Structures are given as structure tokens and as C-alpha cells.
């Protein structure tokens, strides 16, 4: 329940899609990026991002691995920064109180 399937991925040490491999097995990727960000410094609300698993670290959550295909295909989702943009794109909200 804490593991996922192995997926094919592209990239190497010299590409924007950074990845590492072992020289004795160059077609087996050892690790890749843990997060990709494209930041629009003129308007942070236009920024894009992706993480290689999902938005949730909970193994049984439907959002645990829901971004794997987007990460594999080098796709991105919007990353709003301003309060207005975050409020507009919010789907669920969790409030923790002591």
C-alpha cells in the first residue's frame, strides 16, 4: 500500500527533465525531480508546477498518486499564489484548531 508501480521516464543529467542513471545500466532511471516549477516573476499567479506523486501523502487517498501521469508526460497544473487566486481555485479546505 506504500509502493507504486515503476513507470518509464525520460531525462538525464544534461536535460531540463533532470534524472540520474547508473552507467552499468543506463536505461534504468535511479531518481528524478521531486518537484518542477515554472515561475512567472511578472505575475506569480501564472506559475505552473507538478510533483511526481500526488498532492496527498496518505496512502489510501485518491490524491496520493493522481499526478503521476502528468509528471511522466511533463505536464503542469496552475500554481496560484495570491490569496484571491488561491481562494478561487480552492476545492477543499481543512482547518486545524488547537
PDB file of N, CA and C in Angstrom:
ATOM      1  N   UNK A   1       0.820  -1.193   0.000  1.00  0.00           N
ATOM      2  CA  UNK A   1       0.000   0.000   0.000  1.00  0.00           C
ATOM      3  C   UNK A   1       0.867   1.261   0.000  1.00  0.00           C
ATOM      4  N   UNK A   2       2.152   1.113   0.320  1.00  0.00           N
ATOM      5  CA  UNK A   2       3.047   2.278   0.336  1.00  0.00           C
ATOM      6  C   UNK A   2       3.962   2.327  -0.875  1.00  0.00           C
ATOM      7  N   UNK A   3       3.754   1.464  -1.836  1.00  0.00           N
ATOM      8  CA  UNK A   3       4.595   1.468  -3.026  1.00  0.00           C
ATOM      9  C   UNK A   3       3.736   1.738  -4.248  1.00  0.00           C
ATOM     10  N   UNK A   4       4.386   2.111  -5.313  1.00  0.00           N
ATOM     11  CA  UNK A   4       3.685   2.321  -6.571  1.00  0.00           C
ATOM     12  C   UNK A   4       4.445   1.589  -7.663  1.00  0.00           C
ATOM     13  N   UNK A   5       3.820   1.471  -8.811  1.00  0.00           N
ATOM     14  CA  UNK A   5       4.457   0.802  -9.937  1.00  0.00           C
ATOM     15  C   UNK A   5       5.635   1.614 -10.448  1.00  0.00           C
ATOM     16  N   UNK A   6       6.564   0.924 -11.074  1.00  0.00           N
ATOM     17  CA  UNK A   6       7.653   1.589 -11.776  1.00  0.00           C
ATOM     18  C   UNK A   6       7.090   2.140 -13.082  1.00  0.00           C
ATOM     19  N   UNK A   7       7.461   3.363 -13.415  1.00  0.00           N
ATOM     20  CA  UNK A   7       6.957   3.974 -14.643  1.00  0.00           C
ATOM     21  C   UNK A   7       8.128   4.436 -15.502  1.00  0.00           C
ATOM     22  N   UNK A   8       7.979   4.384 -16.810  1.00  0.00           N
ATOM     23  CA  UNK A   8       9.041   4.904 -17.668  1.00  0.00           C
ATOM     24  C   UNK A   8       9.111   6.426 -17.574  1.00  0.00           C
ATOM     25  N   UNK A   9      10.314   6.949 -17.685  1.00  0.00           N
ATOM     26  CA  UNK A   9      10.510   8.402 -17.646  1.00  0.00           C
ATOM     27  C   UNK A   9      11.713   8.763 -18.505  1.00  0.00           C
ATOM     28  N   UNK A  10      11.703  10.001 -19.002  1.00  0.00           N
ATOM     29  CA  UNK A  10      12.797  10.480 -19.852  1.00  0.00           C
ATOM     30  C   UNK A  10      13.653  11.466 -19.073  1.00  0.00           C
ATOM     31  N   UNK A  11      14.849  11.679 -19.571  1.00  0.00           N
ATOM     32  CA  UNK A  11      15.725  12.686 -18.986  1.00  0.00           C
ATOM     33  C   UNK A  11      17.085  12.122 -18.619  1.00  0.00           C
ATOM     34  N   UNK A  12      18.024  13.024 -18.341  1.00  0.00           N
ATOM     35  CA  UNK A  12      19.353  12.627 -17.878  1.00  0.00           C
ATOM     36  C   UNK A  12      19.969  13.810 -17.137  1.00  0.00           C
ATOM     37  N   UNK A  13      21.260  13.715 -16.856  1.00  0.00           N
ATOM     38  CA  UNK A  13      21.951  14.771 -16.104  1.00  0.00           C
ATOM     39  C   UNK A  13      22.063  16.087 -16.869  1.00  0.00           C
ATOM     40  N   UNK A  14      21.822  16.068 -18.172  1.00  0.00           N
ATOM     41  CA  UNK A  14      22.077  17.238 -19.002  1.00  0.00           C
ATOM     42  C   UNK A  14      20.814  17.797 -19.658  1.00  0.00           C
ATOM     43  N   UNK A  15      19.653  17.479 -19.130  1.00  0.00           N
ATOM     44  CA  UNK A  15      18.400  17.967 -19.695  1.00  0.00           C
ATOM     45  C   UNK A  15      17.606  18.734 -18.643  1.00  0.00           C
ATOM     46  N   UNK A  16      16.628  19.505 -19.093  1.00  0.00           N
ATOM     47  CA  UNK A  16      15.744  20.193 -18.152  1.00  0.00           C
ATOM     48  C   UNK A  16      14.920  19.195 -17.349  1.00  0.00           C
ATOM     49  N   UNK A  17      14.624  18.055 -17.940  1.00  0.00           N
ATOM     50  CA  UNK A  17      13.907  16.986 -17.245  1.00  0.00           C
ATOM     51  C   UNK A  17      14.954  16.113 -16.547  1.00  0.00           C
ATOM     52  N   UNK A  18      15.549  16.663 -15.495  1.00  0.00           N
ATOM     53  CA  UNK A  18      16.700  16.032 -14.842  1.00  0.00           C
ATOM     54  C   UNK A  18      16.370  14.648 -14.295  1.00  0.00           C
ATOM     55  N   UNK A  19      17.305  13.722 -14.505  1.00  0.00           N
ATOM     56  CA  UNK A  19      17.190  12.359 -13.995  1.00  0.00           C
ATOM     57  C   UNK A  19      18.591  11.774 -13.910  1.00  0.00           C
ATOM     58  N   UNK A  20      18.749  10.760 -13.095  1.00  0.00           N
ATOM     59  CA  UNK A  20      20.043  10.090 -12.970  1.00  0.00           C
ATOM     60  C   UNK A  20      19.907   8.612 -13.282  1.00  0.00           C
ATOM     61  N   UNK A  21      20.979   8.046 -13.734  1.00  0.00           N
ATOM     62  CA  UNK A  21      21.018   6.617 -14.036  1.00  0.00           C
ATOM     63  C   UNK A  21      22.381   6.086 -13.637  1.00  0.00           C
ATOM     64  N   UNK A  22      22.497   4.780 -13.604  1.00  0.00           N
ATOM     65  CA  UNK A  22      23.787   4.144 -13.328  1.00  0.00           C
ATOM     66  C   UNK A  22      24.445   3.804 -14.662  1.00  0.00           C
ATOM     67  N   UNK A  23      25.734   4.024 -14.756  1.00  0.00           N
ATOM     68  CA  UNK A  23      26.430   3.785 -16.022  1.00  0.00           C
ATOM     69  C   UNK A  23      26.435   2.314 -16.423  1.00  0.00           C
ATOM     70  N   UNK A  24      26.316   1.406 -15.460  1.00  0.00           N
ATOM     71  CA  UNK A  24      26.264  -0.016 -15.815  1.00  0.00           C
ATOM     72  C   UNK A  24      24.859  -0.434 -16.263  1.00  0.00           C
ATOM     73  N   UNK A  25      23.872   0.463 -16.147  1.00  0.00           N
ATOM     74  CA  UNK A  25      22.515   0.194 -16.615  1.00  0.00           C
ATOM     75  C   UNK A  25      21.890   1.535 -17.020  1.00  0.00           C
ATOM     76  N   UNK A  26      22.326   2.116 -18.141  1.00  0.00           N
ATOM     77  CA  UNK A  26      21.950   3.488 -18.488  1.00  0.00           C
ATOM     78  C   UNK A  26      20.471   3.693 -18.813  1.00  0.00           C
ATOM     79  N   UNK A  27      19.705   2.631 -18.983  1.00  0.00           N
ATOM     80  CA  UNK A  27      18.290   2.804 -19.300  1.00  0.00           C
ATOM     81  C   UNK A  27      17.399   2.654 -18.071  1.00  0.00           C
ATOM     82  N   UNK A  28      18.007   2.509 -16.898  1.00  0.00           N
ATOM     83  CA  UNK A  28      17.242   2.431 -15.652  1.00  0.00           C
ATOM     84  C   UNK A  28      17.456   3.727 -14.877  1.00  0.00           C
ATOM     85  N   UNK A  29      16.411   4.527 -14.800  1.00  0.00           N
ATOM     86  CA  UNK A  29      16.488   5.794 -14.079  1.00  0.00           C
ATOM     87  C   UNK A  29      16.530   5.518 -12.576  1.00  0.00           C
ATOM     88  N   UNK A  30      17.472   6.137 -11.879  1.00  0.00           N
ATOM     89  CA  UNK A  30      17.623   5.941 -10.441  1.00  0.00           C
ATOM     90  C   UNK A  30      16.760   6.937  -9.675  1.00  0.00           C
ATOM     91  N   UNK A  31      16.763   8.184 -10.084  1.00  0.00           N
ATOM     92  CA  UNK A  31      15.901   9.189  -9.461  1.00  0.00           C
ATOM     93  C   UNK A  31      15.670  10.349 -10.428  1.00  0.00           C
ATOM     94  N   UNK A  32      14.595  11.079 -10.153  1.00  0.00           N
ATOM     95  CA  UNK A  32      14.257  12.239 -10.971  1.00  0.00           C
ATOM     96  C   UNK A  32      13.855  13.397 -10.077  1.00  0.00           C
ATOM     97  N   UNK A  33      13.262  14.390 -10.670  1.00  0.00           N
ATOM     98  CA  UNK A  33      12.904  15.595  -9.917  1.00  0.00           C
ATOM     99  C   UNK A  33      11.800  15.304  -8.901  1.00  0.00           C
ATOM    100  N   UNK A  34      11.867  15.977  -7.759  1.00  0.00           N
ATOM    101  CA  UNK A  34      10.810  15.832  -6.760  1.00  0.00           C
ATOM    102  C   UNK A  34       9.752  16.917  -6.913  1.00  0.00           C
ATOM    103  N   UNK A  35      10.058  17.939  -7.662  1.00  0.00           N
ATOM    104  CA  UNK A  35       9.087  18.991  -7.967  1.00  0.00           C
ATOM    105  C   UNK A  35       9.612  19.782  -9.154  1.00  0.00           C
ATOM    106  N   UNK A  36       8.714  20.177 -10.033  1.00  0.00           N
ATOM    107  CA  UNK A  36       9.073  21.061 -11.138  1.00  0.00           C
ATOM    108  C   UNK A  36       8.227  22.320 -11.026  1.00  0.00           C
ATOM    109  N   UNK A  37       8.866  23.462 -11.186  1.00  0.00           N
ATOM    110  CA  UNK A  37       8.165  24.747 -11.114  1.00  0.00           C
ATOM    111  C   UNK A  37       8.555  25.625 -12.292  1.00  0.00           C
ATOM    112  N   UNK A  38       7.589  26.275 -12.865  1.00  0.00           N
ATOM    113  CA  UNK A  38       7.815  27.321 -13.856  1.00  0.00           C
ATOM    114  C   UNK A  38       7.212  28.578 -13.250  1.00  0.00           C
ATOM    115  N   UNK A  39       8.067  29.474 -12.799  1.00  0.00           N
ATOM    116  CA  UNK A  39       7.616  30.666 -12.084  1.00  0.00           C
ATOM    117  C   UNK A  39       7.568  31.871 -13.021  1.00  0.00           C
ATOM    118  N   UNK A  40       6.426  32.522 -13.077  1.00  0.00           N
ATOM    119  CA  UNK A  40       6.268  33.768 -13.821  1.00  0.00           C
ATOM    120  C   UNK A  40       6.556  34.906 -12.844  1.00  0.00           C
ATOM    121  N   UNK A  41       7.743  35.475 -12.928  1.00  0.00           N
ATOM    122  CA  UNK A  41       8.147  36.506 -11.978  1.00  0.00           C
ATOM    123  C   UNK A  41       7.406  37.825 -12.172  1.00  0.00           C
ATOM    124  N   UNK A  42       6.742  37.994 -13.300  1.00  0.00           N
ATOM    125  CA  UNK A  42       5.945  39.205 -13.506  1.00  0.00           C
ATOM    126  C   UNK A  42       4.537  39.053 -12.928  1.00  0.00           C
ATOM    127  N   UNK A  43       4.101  37.817 -12.726  1.00  0.00           N
ATOM    128  CA  UNK A  43       2.778  37.546 -12.140  1.00  0.00           C
ATOM    129  C   UNK A  43       2.798  36.124 -11.588  1.00  0.00           C
ATOM    130  N   UNK A  44       3.074  35.991 -10.300  1.00  0.00           N
ATOM    131  CA  UNK A  44       3.195  34.664  -9.686  1.00  0.00           C
ATOM    132  C   UNK A  44       1.956  33.798  -9.914  1.00  0.00           C
ATOM    133  N   UNK A  45       0.787  34.386 -10.075  1.00  0.00           N
ATOM    134  CA  UNK A  45      -0.431  33.602 -10.286  1.00  0.00           C
ATOM    135  C   UNK A  45      -0.446  32.874 -11.628  1.00  0.00           C
ATOM    136  N   UNK A  46       0.464  33.202 -12.527  1.00  0.00           N
ATOM    137  CA  UNK A  46       0.586  32.499 -13.808  1.00  0.00           C
ATOM    138  C   UNK A  46       1.571  31.341 -13.734  1.00  0.00           C
ATOM    139  N   UNK A  47       2.085  31.031 -12.564  1.00  0.00           N
ATOM    140  CA  UNK A  47       3.094  29.986 -12.406  1.00  0.00           C
ATOM    141  C   UNK A  47       2.473  28.598 -12.538  1.00  0.00           C
ATOM    142  N   UNK A  48       3.329  27.630 -12.882  1.00  0.00           N
ATOM    143  CA  UNK A  48       2.906  26.242 -13.080  1.00  0.00           C
ATOM    144  C   UNK A  48       3.786  25.323 -12.252  1.00  0.00           C
ATOM    145  N   UNK A  49       3.267  24.158 -11.892  1.00  0.00           N
ATOM    146  CA  UNK A  49       4.063  23.212 -11.122  1.00  0.00           C
ATOM    147  C   UNK A  49       3.544  21.795 -11.243  1.00  0.00           C
ATOM    148  N   UNK A  50       4.342  20.864 -10.736  1.00  0.00           N
ATOM    149  CA  UNK A  50       3.962  19.447 -10.699  1.00  0.00           C
ATOM    150  C   UNK A  50       4.840  18.747  -9.668  1.00  0.00           C
ATOM    151  N   UNK A  51       4.292  17.745  -9.010  1.00  0.00           N
ATOM    152  CA  UNK A  51       5.046  16.864  -8.116  1.00  0.00           C
ATOM    153  C   UNK A  51       4.887  15.445  -8.652  1.00  0.00           C
ATOM    154  N   UNK A  52       5.859  14.543  -8.405  1.00  0.00           N
ATOM    155  CA  UNK A  52       5.844  13.245  -9.065  1.00  0.00           C
ATOM    156  C   UNK A  52       4.833  12.231  -8.543  1.00  0.00           C
ATOM    157  N   UNK A  53       4.181  12.479  -7.467  1.00  0.00           N
ATOM    158  CA  UNK A  53       3.210  11.503  -6.963  1.00  0.00           C
ATOM    159  C   UNK A  53       1.812  12.073  -7.000  1.00  0.00           C
ATOM    160  N   UNK A  54       1.489  12.774  -5.947  1.00  0.00           N
ATOM    161  CA  UNK A  54       0.184  13.400  -5.830  1.00  0.00           C
ATOM    162  C   UNK A  54       0.229  14.455  -4.748  1.00  0.00           C
ATOM    163  N   UNK A  55      -0.888  15.088  -4.508  1.00  0.00           N
ATOM    164  CA  UNK A  55      -0.948  16.146  -3.510  1.00  0.00           C
ATOM    165  C   UNK A  55      -1.063  15.607  -2.089  1.00  0.00           C
ATOM    166  N   UNK A  56      -1.374  14.327  -1.935  1.00  0.00           N
ATOM    167  CA  UNK A  56      -1.552  13.752  -0.605  1.00  0.00           C
ATOM    168  C   UNK A  56      -0.467  12.727  -0.322  1.00  0.00           C
ATOM    169  N   UNK A  57       0.012  12.724   0.896  1.00  0.00           N
ATOM    170  CA  UNK A  57       0.957  11.701   1.324  1.00  0.00           C
ATOM    171  C   UNK A  57       0.268  10.517   1.976  1.00  0.00           C
ATOM    172  N   UNK A  58      -1.059  10.549   2.047  1.00  0.00           N
ATOM    173  CA  UNK A  58      -1.812   9.453   2.645  1.00  0.00           C
ATOM    174  C   UNK A  58      -1.997   8.347   1.617  1.00  0.00           C
ATOM    175  N   UNK A  59      -1.551   7.138   1.963  1.00  0.00           N
ATOM    176  CA  UNK A  59      -1.538   6.025   1.017  1.00  0.00           C
ATOM    177  C   UNK A  59      -2.916   5.695   0.449  1.00  0.00           C
ATOM    178  N   UNK A  60      -3.972   5.847   1.210  1.00  0.00           N
ATOM    179  CA  UNK A  60      -5.309   5.474   0.742  1.00  0.00           C
ATOM    180  C   UNK A  60      -6.083   6.637   0.117  1.00  0.00           C
ATOM    181  N   UNK A  61      -5.480   7.802   0.049  1.00  0.00           N
ATOM    182  CA  UNK A  61      -6.149   8.963  -0.535  1.00  0.00           C
ATOM    183  C   UNK A  61      -6.213   8.834  -2.059  1.00  0.00           C
ATOM    184  N   UNK A  62      -7.308   9.266  -2.680  1.00  0.00           N
ATOM    185  CA  UNK A  62      -7.362   9.263  -4.143  1.00  0.00           C
ATOM    186  C   UNK A  62      -6.369  10.246  -4.766  1.00  0.00           C
ATOM    187  N   UNK A  63      -5.806  11.142  -3.959  1.00  0.00           N
ATOM    188  CA  UNK A  63      -4.837  12.121  -4.457  1.00  0.00           C
ATOM    189  C   UNK A  63      -3.396  11.724  -4.148  1.00  0.00           C
ATOM    190  N   UNK A  64      -3.181  10.478  -3.702  1.00  0.00           N
ATOM    191  CA  UNK A  64      -1.834  10.017  -3.365  1.00  0.00           C
ATOM    192  C   UNK A  64      -0.942   9.913  -4.601  1.00  0.00           C
ATOM    193  N   UNK A  65      -1.458   9.376  -5.688  1.00  0.00           N
ATOM    194  CA  UNK A  65      -0.657   9.188  -6.907  1.00  0.00           C
ATOM    195  C   UNK A  65      -1.359   9.756  -8.143  1.00  0.00           C
ATOM    196  N   UNK A  66      -2.267  10.704  -7.955  1.00  0.00           N
ATOM    197  CA  UNK A  66      -3.070  11.168  -9.085  1.00  0.00           C
ATOM    198  C   UNK A  66      -2.333  12.097 -10.052  1.00  0.00           C
ATOM    199  N   UNK A  67      -1.112  12.495  -9.730  1.00  0.00           N
ATOM    200  CA  UNK A  67      -0.349  13.369 -10.631  1.00  0.00           C
ATOM    201  C   UNK A  67       0.782  12.637 -11.359  1.00  0.00           C
ATOM    202  N   UNK A  68       0.883  11.325 -11.165  1.00  0.00           N
ATOM    203  CA  UNK A  68       1.985  10.560 -11.761  1.00  0.00           C
ATOM    204  C   UNK A  68       1.997  10.689 -13.278  1.00  0.00           C
ATOM    205  N   UNK A  69       0.845  10.524 -13.918  1.00  0.00           N
ATOM    206  CA  UNK A  69       0.814  10.594 -15.383  1.00  0.00           C
ATOM    207  C   UNK A  69       1.187  11.978 -15.895  1.00  0.00           C
ATOM    208  N   UNK A  70       0.724  13.030 -15.209  1.00  0.00           N
ATOM    209  CA  UNK A  70       1.108  14.387 -15.618  1.00  0.00           C
ATOM    210  C   UNK A  70       2.614  14.579 -15.468  1.00  0.00           C
ATOM    211  N   UNK A  71       3.188  14.111 -14.341  1.00  0.00           N
ATOM    212  CA  UNK A  71       4.632  14.239 -14.120  1.00  0.00           C
ATOM    213  C   UNK A  71       5.394  13.487 -15.206  1.00  0.00           C
ATOM    214  N   UNK A  72       4.958  12.262 -15.503  1.00  0.00           N
ATOM    215  CA  UNK A  72       5.620  11.436 -16.515  1.00  0.00           C
ATOM    216  C   UNK A  72       5.578  12.094 -17.893  1.00  0.00           C
ATOM    217  N   UNK A  73       4.480  12.765 -18.219  1.00  0.00           N
ATOM    218  CA  UNK A  73       4.315  13.404 -19.528  1.00  0.00           C
ATOM    219  C   UNK A  73       4.800  14.851 -19.557  1.00  0.00           C
ATOM    220  N   UNK A  74       5.468  15.297 -18.490  1.00  0.00           N
ATOM    221  CA  UNK A  74       5.990  16.656 -18.354  1.00  0.00           C
ATOM    222  C   UNK A  74       4.870  17.683 -18.580  1.00  0.00           C
ATOM    223  N   UNK A  75       3.766  17.474 -17.867  1.00  0.00           N
ATOM    224  CA  UNK A  75       2.641  18.402 -17.879  1.00  0.00           C
ATOM    225  C   UNK A  75       2.602  19.127 -16.536  1.00  0.00           C
ATOM    226  N   UNK A  76       1.860  20.215 -16.476  1.00  0.00           N
ATOM    227  CA  UNK A  76       1.832  21.044 -15.276  1.00  0.00           C
ATOM    228  C   UNK A  76       0.409  21.453 -14.931  1.00  0.00           C
ATOM    229  N   UNK A  77       0.219  21.879 -13.688  1.00  0.00           N
ATOM    230  CA  UNK A  77      -1.053  22.457 -13.266  1.00  0.00           C
ATOM    231  C   UNK A  77      -0.786  23.866 -12.747  1.00  0.00           C
ATOM    232  N   UNK A  78      -1.815  24.734 -12.730  1.00  0.00           N
ATOM    233  CA  UNK A  78      -1.626  26.104 -12.241  1.00  0.00           C
ATOM    234  C   UNK A  78      -1.235  26.122 -10.767  1.00  0.00           C
ATOM    235  N   UNK A  79      -0.354  27.047 -10.405  1.00  0.00           N
ATOM    236  CA  UNK A  79       0.093  27.227  -9.019  1.00  0.00           C
ATOM    237  C   UNK A  79      -0.240  28.653  -8.592  1.00  0.00           C
ATOM    238  N   UNK A  80      -1.467  28.917  -8.154  1.00  0.00           N
ATOM    239  CA  UNK A  80      -1.822  30.274  -7.739  1.00  0.00           C
ATOM    240  C   UNK A  80      -1.083  30.679  -6.468  1.00  0.00           C
ATOM    241  N   UNK A  81      -0.780  31.953  -6.330  1.00  0.00           N
ATOM    242  CA  UNK A  81      -0.054  32.455  -5.161  1.00  0.00           C
ATOM    243  C   UNK A  81      -0.831  33.509  -4.376  1.00  0.00           C
ATOM    244  N   UNK A  82      -1.507  34.415  -5.054  1.00  0.00           N
ATOM    245  CA  UNK A  82      -2.223  35.466  -4.320  1.00  0.00           C
ATOM    246  C   UNK A  82      -3.422  34.860  -3.592  1.00  0.00           C
ATOM    247  N   UNK A  83      -3.854  35.495  -2.524  1.00  0.00           N
ATOM    248  CA  UNK A  83      -4.997  34.995  -1.752  1.00  0.00           C
ATOM    249  C   UNK A  83      -6.229  34.861  -2.638  1.00  0.00           C
ATOM    250  N   UNK A  84      -6.461  35.838  -3.506  1.00  0.00           N
ATOM    251  CA  UNK A  84      -7.625  35.802  -4.386  1.00  0.00           C
ATOM    252  C   UNK A  84      -7.568  34.602  -5.327  1.00  0.00           C
ATOM    253  N   UNK A  85      -6.407  34.369  -5.934  1.00  0.00           N
ATOM    254  CA  UNK A  85      -6.263  33.252  -6.874  1.00  0.00           C
ATOM    255  C   UNK A  85      -6.355  31.906  -6.155  1.00  0.00           C
ATOM    256  N   UNK A  86      -5.782  31.819  -4.957  1.00  0.00           N
ATOM    257  CA  UNK A  86      -5.870  30.575  -4.175  1.00  0.00           C
ATOM    258  C   UNK A  86      -7.321  30.312  -3.785  1.00  0.00           C
ATOM    259  N   UNK A  87      -8.014  31.334  -3.287  1.00  0.00           N
ATOM    260  CA  UNK A  87      -9.423  31.174  -2.910  1.00  0.00           C
ATOM    261  C   UNK A  87     -10.269  30.724  -4.103  1.00  0.00           C
ATOM    262  N   UNK A  88      -9.989  31.280  -5.274  1.00  0.00           N
ATOM    263  CA  UNK A  88     -10.759  30.947  -6.477  1.00  0.00           C
ATOM    264  C   UNK A  88     -10.549  29.493  -6.902  1.00  0.00           C
ATOM    265  N   UNK A  89      -9.353  28.951  -6.694  1.00  0.00           N
ATOM    266  CA  UNK A  89      -9.057  27.590  -7.149  1.00  0.00           C
ATOM    267  C   UNK A  89      -9.211  26.533  -6.049  1.00  0.00           C
ATOM    268  N   UNK A  90      -9.536  26.951  -4.830  1.00  0.00           N
ATOM    269  CA  UNK A  90      -9.665  26.006  -3.719  1.00  0.00           C
ATOM    270  C   UNK A  90     -10.868  25.091  -3.921  1.00  0.00           C
ATOM    271  N   UNK A  91     -10.635  23.786  -3.753  1.00  0.00           N
ATOM    272  CA  UNK A  91     -11.700  22.789  -3.856  1.00  0.00           C
ATOM    273  C   UNK A  91     -12.144  22.354  -2.463  1.00  0.00           C
ATOM    274  N   UNK A  92     -11.190  22.016  -1.611  1.00  0.00           N
ATOM    275  CA  UNK A  92     -11.457  21.607  -0.235  1.00  0.00           C
ATOM    276  C   UNK A  92     -10.579  22.419   0.696  1.00  0.00           C
ATOM    277  N   UNK A  93     -11.048  22.581   1.916  1.00  0.00           N
ATOM    278  CA  UNK A  93     -10.286  23.347   2.895  1.00  0.00           C
ATOM    279  C   UNK A  93     -10.303  22.592   4.217  1.00  0.00           C
ATOM    280  N   UNK A  94      -9.138  22.443   4.829  1.00  0.00           N
ATOM    281  CA  UNK A  94      -9.004  21.791   6.127  1.00  0.00           C
ATOM    282  C   UNK A  94      -8.548  22.838   7.125  1.00  0.00           C
ATOM    283  N   UNK A  95      -9.317  23.031   8.177  1.00  0.00           N
ATOM    284  CA  UNK A  95      -8.960  23.985   9.220  1.00  0.00           C
ATOM    285  C   UNK A  95      -8.594  23.219  10.478  1.00  0.00           C
ATOM    286  N   UNK A  96      -7.386  23.431  10.966  1.00  0.00           N
ATOM    287  CA  UNK A  96      -6.919  22.784  12.191  1.00  0.00           C
ATOM    288  C   UNK A  96      -6.943  23.805  13.319  1.00  0.00           C
ATOM    289  N   UNK A  97      -7.562  23.451  14.417  1.00  0.00           N
ATOM    290  CA  UNK A  97      -7.591  24.343  15.575  1.00  0.00           C
ATOM    291  C   UNK A  97      -7.045  23.603  16.786  1.00  0.00           C
ATOM    292  N   UNK A  98      -6.295  24.302  17.636  1.00  0.00           N
ATOM    293  CA  UNK A  98      -5.712  23.633  18.810  1.00  0.00           C
ATOM    294  C   UNK A  98      -6.781  23.266  19.841  1.00  0.00           C
TER     295      UNK A  98
END
